[in-house]
Amino acid sequence: MYAVLGRRLRSLLTVLGIALGIAAALATTGITASAADAVSGRFDALKATAVTVRFPNEAARPGAAAITRARKLNGVRSAGFLCVADERPSVSALDPRFDRATPQELRVLAADDGALAALGVTARSGRLPDAGHIARGDAVAVVDTVAAKALGLDALLEQDPEAAPAVYLAGRPFTVIGTFRAPTGETRLTGSVVVPYADCAGDGGVLARPQPASGADAAGKEGGRLVFGSTEAVLRTELGAAQQVGLEAPLALRPEGPDRLAAIVPADLGSFRGGVESETRALFLGLAGVSLLIGALGVSNTTYVSVVERRSEIGLRRAVGAGRAAVSAQFLVECGLLGLVGGVLGTAVGVDVTAGTALAKGWLVVLDPRLTVAGPLLGLAVGMLAGVYPALAAARVAPAETLRG
């Protein structure tokens, strides 16, 4: 014990080596668990409740009855249809104040009110198309803020939100009733113009009505009509219901042939979180293991130096009857004590670092309470393992060593 308390600086440095390794291991485990919880939480908000069902290209556009059945499924909050134009047509905006056209090639989507709700689209100015617009076949559109800027409509709408300018698609005027900001992760809505779903379904929409080809814009159309791709059903579910809804939605949307529909559901949250946590933890636990190994080598080296310095003391103890086991036990206890103190200190530092990092990032602090017990025990185990070789070296000191000097 004198070797531990009498050589305080050496003991302190040895303890710090163990403490840093334990702190690194504990902080790594806590921070990765907190980060995985935060990442999966963001994944929940953005993707875990989104289910998409794609119809084959050659299939007829599904009608209102199909989406009504899908909305009745347990766990479904909102659902609707959308389709995207195969090409980016030339879209122009006629500014009623300056009489200036600004043609742009933009993405055009046709969607109903349920699809916009399921995608999380909210109006930034004006309003979004509703069921009434679709039922009447109104020539209305909403534009993303990026598209509004490209068309030169942003300044006009900021000055007068009720200006209701027109945009021209395939040579047909659509009244802009509102703008929206594309939700995070929905890249297909960025820089887009959204028209009512009737224009995609061909059941009364403006673009579905016949028009002489000579008066139509030639870009992205056939005979004066935009060509839309296959229809998608977009469903927003309650948290945890996406997997089951993904199994049931094809049958609800097309009872006569559900196998022809492709349902896209988010990854299982348990697997997602486990993957993030395990991969991140594996990386940083490797670094923590290196730190712990360095600390153990420091304990072993310091203790071996102590054995060399105390050979006379060890030889005297052997001369007065101390056995090899007793001498080995003395050094193992000293190393274990240093490891235990380092483990306690490292645990305290690791908990503080985990909590501080999580709070600074705005994460929920996730830390297994069993780690606060495992930290000191790990320090004790590392200290004793590091002391095995010095203890064996001490046990081999002969009693005659006390006669030297």
Protein backbone atom coordinates (compact mmCIF):
# COMPACT_ATOMS: atom_id res chain seq x y z
CA MET A 1 0.00 0.00 0.00
CA TYR A 2 2.96 2.29 0.61
CA ALA A 3 3.91 1.86 -3.03
CA VAL A 4 0.49 3.26 -4.03
CA LEU A 5 0.25 6.13 -1.52
CA GLY A 6 3.95 6.86 -1.23
CA ARG A 7 4.48 7.42 -4.93
CA ARG A 8 1.47 9.64 -5.53
CA LEU A 9 2.43 11.19 -8.85
CA ARG A 10 3.26 7.82 -10.36
CA SER A 11 0.04 6.35 -9.01
CA LEU A 12 -1.98 9.31 -10.28
CA LEU A 13 -0.61 8.98 -13.79
CA THR A 14 -1.28 5.25 -13.72
CA VAL A 15 -4.86 5.82 -12.55
CA LEU A 16 -5.41 8.39 -15.29
CA GLY A 17 -4.40 5.87 -17.94
CA ILE A 18 -7.09 3.46 -16.74
CA ALA A 19 -9.61 6.29 -16.23
CA LEU A 20 -9.20 7.57 -19.78
CA GLY A 21 -9.78 4.11 -21.23
CA ILE A 22 -12.87 3.49 -19.10
CA ALA A 23 -14.23 6.99 -19.78
CA ALA A 24 -13.71 6.52 -23.53
CA ALA A 25 -15.47 3.14 -23.51
CA LEU A 26 -18.39 4.37 -21.40
CA ALA A 27 -18.80 7.64 -23.30
CA THR A 28 -18.65 5.76 -26.60
CA THR A 29 -21.42 3.41 -25.53
CA GLY A 30 -23.59 6.22 -24.16
CA ILE A 31 -23.06 8.67 -27.02
CA THR A 32 -23.67 6.08 -29.73
CA ALA A 33 -26.87 4.93 -28.00
CA SER A 34 -28.05 8.54 -27.66
CA ALA A 35 -27.12 9.31 -31.27
CA ALA A 36 -28.87 6.19 -32.54
CA ASP A 37 -31.99 7.17 -30.60
CA ALA A 38 -31.86 10.68 -32.09
CA VAL A 39 -31.26 9.42 -35.63
CA SER A 40 -34.05 6.87 -35.41
CA GLY A 41 -36.29 9.58 -33.96
CA ARG A 42 -35.69 11.76 -37.02
CA PHE A 43 -36.18 8.73 -39.22
CA ASP A 44 -39.51 8.15 -37.47
CA ALA A 45 -40.67 11.67 -38.20
CA LEU A 46 -39.64 11.65 -41.85
CA LYS A 47 -39.87 8.13 -43.17
CA ALA A 48 -41.26 5.63 -40.69
CA THR A 49 -44.87 6.54 -41.43
CA ALA A 50 -44.67 6.79 -45.25
CA VAL A 51 -45.95 3.94 -47.43
CA THR A 52 -45.97 4.13 -51.23
CA VAL A 53 -47.85 1.72 -53.49
CA ARG A 54 -46.98 1.84 -57.18
CA PHE A 55 -49.35 0.77 -59.94
CA PRO A 56 -47.99 -0.82 -63.14
CA ASN A 57 -47.52 1.51 -66.09
CA GLU A 58 -50.12 -0.17 -68.25
CA ALA A 59 -52.80 -0.16 -65.55
CA ALA A 60 -55.80 2.17 -65.72
CA ARG A 61 -55.71 5.11 -63.33
CA PRO A 62 -57.29 4.05 -60.02
CA GLY A 63 -60.38 5.92 -58.92
CA ALA A 64 -61.80 7.39 -55.75
CA ALA A 65 -63.24 4.08 -54.55
CA ALA A 66 -59.76 2.53 -54.30
CA ILE A 67 -58.27 5.29 -52.19
CA THR A 68 -61.40 5.34 -50.00
CA ARG A 69 -60.80 1.68 -49.14
CA ALA A 70 -57.15 2.42 -48.36
CA ARG A 71 -58.07 5.27 -46.03
CA LYS A 72 -60.21 2.88 -43.99
CA LEU A 73 -57.26 0.63 -43.13
CA ASN A 74 -56.29 0.62 -39.47
CA GLY A 75 -53.35 2.93 -38.84
CA VAL A 76 -53.81 5.07 -41.98
CA ARG A 77 -53.96 8.81 -41.26
CA SER A 78 -54.18 10.11 -44.82
CA ALA A 79 -53.87 8.71 -48.32
CA GLY A 80 -54.11 9.89 -51.89
CA PHE A 81 -52.94 9.48 -55.49
CA LEU A 82 -50.24 11.26 -57.42
CA CYS A 83 -48.42 10.89 -60.71
CA VAL A 84 -45.46 12.68 -62.25
CA ALA A 85 -45.11 13.94 -65.81
CA ASP A 86 -42.64 11.83 -67.78
CA GLU A 87 -40.81 14.91 -69.07
CA ARG A 88 -40.23 18.38 -67.75
CA PRO A 89 -42.44 20.62 -69.89
CA SER A 90 -41.82 24.25 -70.58
CA VAL A 91 -43.78 26.23 -68.01
CA SER A 92 -44.31 29.94 -68.39
CA ALA A 93 -45.83 32.51 -66.08
CA LEU A 94 -47.66 35.56 -67.34
CA ASP A 95 -47.19 38.40 -64.88
CA PRO A 96 -50.42 40.42 -65.09
CA ARG A 97 -48.61 43.54 -63.88
CA PHE A 98 -45.62 43.48 -66.18
CA ASP A 99 -46.90 41.27 -69.02
CA ARG A 100 -43.64 39.31 -69.12
CA ALA A 101 -43.36 35.57 -69.77
CA THR A 102 -40.60 33.58 -68.07
CA PRO A 103 -40.50 30.03 -69.49
CA GLN A 104 -38.82 27.33 -67.40
CA GLU A 105 -38.53 23.56 -67.61
CA LEU A 106 -40.11 22.32 -64.39
CA ARG A 107 -41.36 19.06 -62.96
CA VAL A 108 -45.15 18.72 -63.07
CA LEU A 109 -47.09 16.49 -60.69
CA ALA A 110 -50.78 15.71 -60.46
CA ALA A 111 -51.98 14.98 -56.93
CA ASP A 112 -55.17 14.96 -54.93
CA ASP A 113 -55.66 16.57 -51.53
CA GLY A 114 -55.04 13.26 -49.73
CA ALA A 115 -51.64 12.79 -51.37
CA LEU A 116 -50.56 16.33 -50.47
CA ALA A 117 -51.60 15.70 -46.85
CA ALA A 118 -49.78 12.35 -46.80
CA LEU A 119 -46.62 13.98 -48.15
CA GLY A 120 -46.77 16.67 -45.47
CA VAL A 121 -47.26 19.54 -47.92
CA THR A 122 -48.55 22.75 -46.32
CA ALA A 123 -49.33 26.03 -48.01
CA ARG A 124 -46.77 28.79 -47.60
CA SER A 125 -49.10 31.31 -49.18
CA GLY A 126 -52.62 31.01 -50.54
CA ARG A 127 -54.11 27.50 -50.33
CA LEU A 128 -53.75 23.98 -51.67
CA PRO A 129 -56.17 22.29 -54.10
CA ASP A 130 -59.02 20.53 -52.33
CA ALA A 131 -61.59 17.90 -53.29
CA GLY A 132 -63.83 20.59 -54.73
CA HIS A 133 -61.21 21.73 -57.21
CA ILE A 134 -60.72 18.14 -58.34
CA ALA A 135 -64.45 17.40 -58.58
CA ARG A 136 -65.06 20.52 -60.70
CA GLY A 137 -61.95 20.06 -62.82
CA ASP A 138 -60.73 23.56 -61.98
CA ALA A 139 -57.65 24.83 -63.80
CA VAL A 140 -55.66 25.53 -60.63
CA ALA A 141 -52.09 24.83 -59.57
CA VAL A 142 -49.74 25.31 -56.64
CA VAL A 143 -46.02 25.84 -57.09
CA ASP A 144 -43.05 25.08 -54.91
CA THR A 145 -41.13 28.12 -53.65
CA VAL A 146 -38.17 27.15 -55.85
CA ALA A 147 -40.41 27.02 -58.92
CA ALA A 148 -42.10 30.30 -57.94
CA LYS A 149 -38.72 32.00 -57.83
CA ALA A 150 -37.68 30.53 -61.16
CA LEU A 151 -40.90 31.76 -62.75
CA GLY A 152 -40.57 35.19 -61.20
CA LEU A 153 -43.74 34.79 -59.15
CA ASP A 154 -42.22 35.06 -55.68
CA ALA A 155 -41.90 38.83 -55.67
CA LEU A 156 -45.39 39.27 -57.07
CA LEU A 157 -46.98 36.96 -54.51
CA GLU A 158 -45.11 38.62 -51.67
CA GLN A 159 -46.45 42.01 -52.74
CA ASP A 160 -49.97 40.73 -53.29
CA PRO A 161 -50.84 37.22 -52.00
CA GLU A 162 -54.21 37.46 -53.77
CA ALA A 163 -52.70 38.27 -57.18
CA ALA A 164 -53.54 34.76 -58.54
CA PRO A 165 -51.15 34.81 -61.53
CA ALA A 166 -51.39 32.21 -64.26
CA VAL A 167 -48.92 29.57 -65.37
CA TYR A 168 -49.12 27.81 -68.71
CA LEU A 169 -48.72 24.06 -69.04
CA ALA A 170 -48.97 22.55 -72.50
CA GLY A 171 -50.36 25.87 -73.67
CA ARG A 172 -53.15 25.91 -71.07
CA PRO A 173 -53.54 28.49 -68.31
CA PHE A 174 -53.67 27.40 -64.67
CA THR A 175 -54.40 29.83 -61.88
CA VAL A 176 -51.78 29.69 -59.12
CA ILE A 177 -53.80 29.53 -55.92
CA GLY A 178 -50.87 29.03 -53.57
CA THR A 179 -47.23 28.18 -52.98
CA PHE A 180 -45.63 25.58 -50.76
CA ARG A 181 -42.20 24.59 -49.52
CA ALA A 182 -41.21 21.03 -50.43
CA PRO A 183 -41.03 18.85 -47.29
CA THR A 184 -37.60 17.61 -46.23
CA GLY A 185 -36.62 14.52 -48.19
CA GLU A 186 -39.24 14.94 -50.94
CA THR A 187 -36.91 15.90 -53.77
CA ARG A 188 -39.53 15.31 -56.45
CA LEU A 189 -41.57 18.18 -55.05
CA THR A 190 -38.65 20.63 -55.17
CA GLY A 191 -39.04 23.01 -58.11
CA SER A 192 -42.39 21.51 -59.08
CA VAL A 193 -45.84 22.59 -60.22
CA VAL A 194 -48.72 20.56 -58.77
CA VAL A 195 -52.06 20.31 -60.57
CA PRO A 196 -55.21 18.38 -59.52
CA TYR A 197 -55.09 14.60 -59.88
CA ALA A 198 -57.91 14.71 -62.43
CA ASP A 199 -55.40 15.95 -65.01
CA CYS A 200 -53.44 12.72 -64.56
CA ALA A 201 -56.42 10.39 -64.30
CA GLY A 202 -58.07 11.75 -67.45
CA ASP A 203 -61.47 12.09 -65.78
CA GLY A 204 -62.29 15.73 -66.34
CA GLY A 205 -59.03 17.54 -65.75
CA VAL A 206 -58.01 20.49 -67.87
CA LEU A 207 -55.06 18.68 -69.41
CA ALA A 208 -57.27 15.71 -70.21
CA ARG A 209 -59.60 17.78 -72.36
CA PRO A 210 -59.03 17.80 -76.12
CA GLN A 211 -57.13 20.73 -77.58
CA PRO A 212 -55.89 21.39 -81.07
CA ALA A 213 -52.27 20.36 -81.39
CA SER A 214 -51.37 23.63 -83.08
CA GLY A 215 -52.16 25.62 -79.98
CA ALA A 216 -50.22 23.42 -77.63
CA ASP A 217 -46.72 23.74 -76.34
CA ALA A 218 -44.64 21.01 -77.94
CA ALA A 219 -42.59 20.11 -74.88
CA GLY A 220 -43.57 17.13 -72.74
CA LYS A 221 -46.99 16.43 -74.26
CA GLU A 222 -48.85 14.28 -76.72
CA GLY A 223 -51.54 15.95 -78.79
CA GLY A 224 -51.74 18.91 -76.44
CA ARG A 225 -51.63 16.78 -73.27
CA LEU A 226 -48.87 16.16 -70.79
CA VAL A 227 -47.83 12.52 -70.56
CA PHE A 228 -47.90 11.31 -66.97
CA GLY A 229 -46.20 8.20 -65.64
CA SER A 230 -47.73 5.49 -63.51
CA THR A 231 -49.88 6.36 -60.53
CA GLU A 232 -48.67 6.06 -56.95
CA ALA A 233 -50.77 5.80 -53.84
CA VAL A 234 -49.13 7.69 -50.97
CA LEU A 235 -50.22 6.73 -47.45
CA ARG A 236 -49.28 8.32 -44.13
CA THR A 237 -49.65 5.94 -41.20
CA GLU A 238 -49.52 6.02 -37.45
CA LEU A 239 -46.09 5.33 -36.00
CA GLY A 240 -45.46 1.60 -35.99
CA ALA A 241 -48.27 0.77 -38.44
CA ALA A 242 -46.33 1.12 -41.71
CA GLN A 243 -45.29 -2.53 -41.99
CA GLN A 244 -48.85 -3.82 -41.59
CA VAL A 245 -50.35 -1.14 -43.82
CA GLY A 246 -47.79 -2.04 -46.49
CA LEU A 247 -49.12 -5.61 -46.45
CA GLU A 248 -52.79 -4.64 -46.57
CA ALA A 249 -52.74 -1.62 -48.91
CA PRO A 250 -52.32 -3.49 -52.24
CA LEU A 251 -55.37 -5.62 -51.50
CA ALA A 252 -57.42 -2.56 -50.55
CA LEU A 253 -56.35 -0.61 -53.63
CA ARG A 254 -56.80 -3.43 -56.13
CA PRO A 255 -58.71 -6.42 -54.71
CA GLU A 256 -58.76 -8.14 -58.11
CA GLY A 257 -54.98 -8.13 -58.50
CA PRO A 258 -52.96 -7.01 -55.46
CA ASP A 259 -49.89 -8.95 -56.60
CA ARG A 260 -49.36 -6.51 -59.46
CA LEU A 261 -48.85 -3.59 -57.08
CA ALA A 262 -45.49 -2.83 -55.48
CA ALA A 263 -45.62 -1.60 -51.89
CA ILE A 264 -42.63 0.34 -50.58
CA VAL A 265 -42.45 0.48 -46.80
CA PRO A 266 -39.81 1.98 -44.50
CA ALA A 267 -37.18 -0.24 -42.93
CA ASP A 268 -38.02 -1.82 -39.60
CA LEU A 269 -37.14 0.72 -36.93
CA GLY A 270 -35.61 -1.84 -34.62
CA SER A 271 -33.21 -3.05 -37.31
CA PHE A 272 -32.47 0.51 -38.43
CA ARG A 273 -31.63 1.74 -34.96
CA GLY A 274 -29.67 -1.40 -34.15
CA GLY A 275 -27.62 -1.01 -37.32
CA VAL A 276 -26.79 2.63 -36.64
CA GLU A 277 -25.89 1.90 -33.03
CA SER A 278 -23.80 -1.20 -33.70
CA GLU A 279 -21.80 0.28 -36.58
CA THR A 280 -21.08 3.52 -34.75
CA ARG A 281 -20.27 1.74 -31.52
CA ALA A 282 -17.93 -0.72 -33.23
CA LEU A 283 -15.84 2.12 -34.60
CA PHE A 284 -15.49 4.07 -31.38
CA LEU A 285 -15.20 1.05 -29.10
CA GLY A 286 -12.12 0.12 -31.10
CA LEU A 287 -10.60 3.48 -30.19
CA ALA A 288 -11.71 3.04 -26.57
CA GLY A 289 -10.11 -0.41 -26.51
CA VAL A 290 -6.80 1.07 -27.68
CA SER A 291 -7.00 3.67 -24.90
CA LEU A 292 -7.74 0.96 -22.35
CA LEU A 293 -4.85 -1.16 -23.64
CA ILE A 294 -2.49 1.80 -23.31
CA GLY A 295 -3.71 2.32 -19.74
CA ALA A 296 -3.19 -1.35 -18.92
CA LEU A 297 0.32 -1.28 -20.34
CA GLY A 298 1.00 1.80 -18.23
CA VAL A 299 -0.13 -0.02 -15.09
CA SER A 300 1.96 -3.07 -15.97
CA ASN A 301 5.05 -1.02 -16.75
CA THR A 302 4.73 1.15 -13.63
CA THR A 303 4.21 -1.89 -11.42
CA TYR A 304 7.18 -3.72 -12.95
CA VAL A 305 9.39 -0.69 -12.30
CA SER A 306 8.13 -0.76 -8.73
CA VAL A 307 9.10 -4.43 -8.45
CA VAL A 308 12.62 -3.64 -9.65
CA GLU A 309 12.93 -0.75 -7.18
CA ARG A 310 11.65 -2.86 -4.28
CA ARG A 311 13.68 -6.01 -4.83
CA SER A 312 15.36 -5.62 -1.44
CA GLU A 313 11.99 -5.22 0.28
CA ILE A 314 10.62 -8.26 -1.53
CA GLY A 315 13.72 -10.31 -0.73
CA LEU A 316 13.42 -9.37 2.98
CA ARG A 317 9.79 -10.46 3.04
CA ARG A 318 10.76 -13.74 1.42
CA ALA A 319 13.59 -14.19 3.97
CA VAL A 320 11.23 -13.81 6.92
CA GLY A 321 8.85 -16.41 5.58
CA ALA A 322 6.55 -14.78 3.01
CA GLY A 323 5.61 -17.21 0.27
CA ARG A 324 5.48 -16.57 -3.46
CA ALA A 325 1.69 -16.44 -3.40
CA ALA A 326 1.67 -13.75 -0.71
CA VAL A 327 4.15 -11.59 -2.64
CA SER A 328 2.15 -12.02 -5.87
CA ALA A 329 -1.09 -11.18 -4.07
CA GLN A 330 0.43 -7.95 -2.71
CA PHE A 331 1.19 -6.62 -6.18
CA LEU A 332 -2.08 -7.86 -7.62
CA VAL A 333 -3.95 -5.98 -4.89
CA GLU A 334 -1.95 -2.81 -5.59
CA CYS A 335 -2.66 -3.05 -9.33
CA GLY A 336 -6.31 -3.88 -8.69
CA LEU A 337 -6.64 -0.88 -6.39
CA LEU A 338 -5.18 1.43 -9.03
CA GLY A 339 -7.51 -0.07 -11.64
CA LEU A 340 -10.55 0.29 -9.36
CA VAL A 341 -9.83 3.95 -8.64
CA GLY A 342 -9.27 4.53 -12.36
CA GLY A 343 -12.54 2.74 -13.15
CA VAL A 344 -14.54 4.89 -10.71
CA LEU A 345 -12.97 8.07 -12.03
CA GLY A 346 -13.41 6.99 -15.66
CA THR A 347 -17.06 6.07 -15.06
CA ALA A 348 -17.79 9.50 -13.61
CA VAL A 349 -16.05 11.22 -16.52
CA GLY A 350 -17.77 8.97 -19.09
CA VAL A 351 -21.24 9.68 -17.68
CA ASP A 352 -20.54 13.42 -17.65
CA VAL A 353 -19.22 13.39 -21.21
CA THR A 354 -22.23 11.39 -22.43
CA ALA A 355 -24.73 13.68 -20.72
CA GLY A 356 -22.93 16.83 -21.81
CA THR A 357 -22.70 15.74 -25.45
CA ALA A 358 -26.33 14.61 -25.60
CA LEU A 359 -27.63 17.80 -23.98
CA ALA A 360 -25.49 19.98 -26.24
CA LYS A 361 -26.95 18.22 -29.30
CA GLY A 362 -30.48 18.26 -27.94
CA TRP A 363 -30.63 14.46 -27.73
CA LEU A 364 -32.26 12.30 -25.12
CA VAL A 365 -29.55 10.92 -22.80
CA VAL A 366 -29.54 7.15 -23.29
CA LEU A 367 -27.24 5.29 -20.90
CA ASP A 368 -27.62 1.83 -19.44
CA PRO A 369 -27.39 2.19 -15.63
CA ARG A 370 -25.57 -1.14 -15.44
CA LEU A 371 -22.60 0.54 -17.08
CA THR A 372 -22.03 2.63 -13.93
CA VAL A 373 -21.35 -0.64 -12.10
CA ALA A 374 -19.49 -2.26 -14.97
CA GLY A 375 -17.05 0.66 -15.28
CA PRO A 376 -15.35 0.25 -11.87
CA LEU A 377 -15.40 -3.55 -12.20
CA LEU A 378 -13.79 -3.29 -15.63
CA GLY A 379 -11.12 -1.01 -14.18
CA LEU A 380 -10.48 -3.53 -11.39
CA ALA A 381 -10.22 -6.38 -13.91
CA VAL A 382 -7.88 -4.45 -16.20
CA GLY A 383 -5.67 -3.43 -13.27
CA MET A 384 -5.37 -6.97 -11.98
CA LEU A 385 -4.68 -8.39 -15.44
CA ALA A 386 -2.04 -5.74 -16.00
CA GLY A 387 -0.45 -6.71 -12.70
CA VAL A 388 -0.10 -10.42 -13.45
CA TYR A 389 3.35 -10.20 -15.03
CA PRO A 390 4.83 -7.82 -12.40
CA ALA A 391 3.36 -10.04 -9.65
CA LEU A 392 4.96 -13.14 -11.13
CA ALA A 393 8.26 -11.26 -11.45
CA ALA A 394 8.04 -10.26 -7.77
CA ALA A 395 7.32 -13.84 -6.74
CA ARG A 396 10.53 -14.98 -8.43
CA VAL A 397 12.74 -12.64 -6.36
CA ALA A 398 15.03 -14.79 -4.19
CA PRO A 399 15.41 -14.19 -0.41
CA ALA A 400 19.12 -13.55 -0.97
CA GLU A 401 18.21 -10.21 -2.59
CA THR A 402 17.93 -8.72 0.89
CA LEU A 403 21.70 -9.17 1.33
CA ARG A 404 22.58 -6.92 -1.64
CA GLY A 405 23.51 -3.33 -1.32
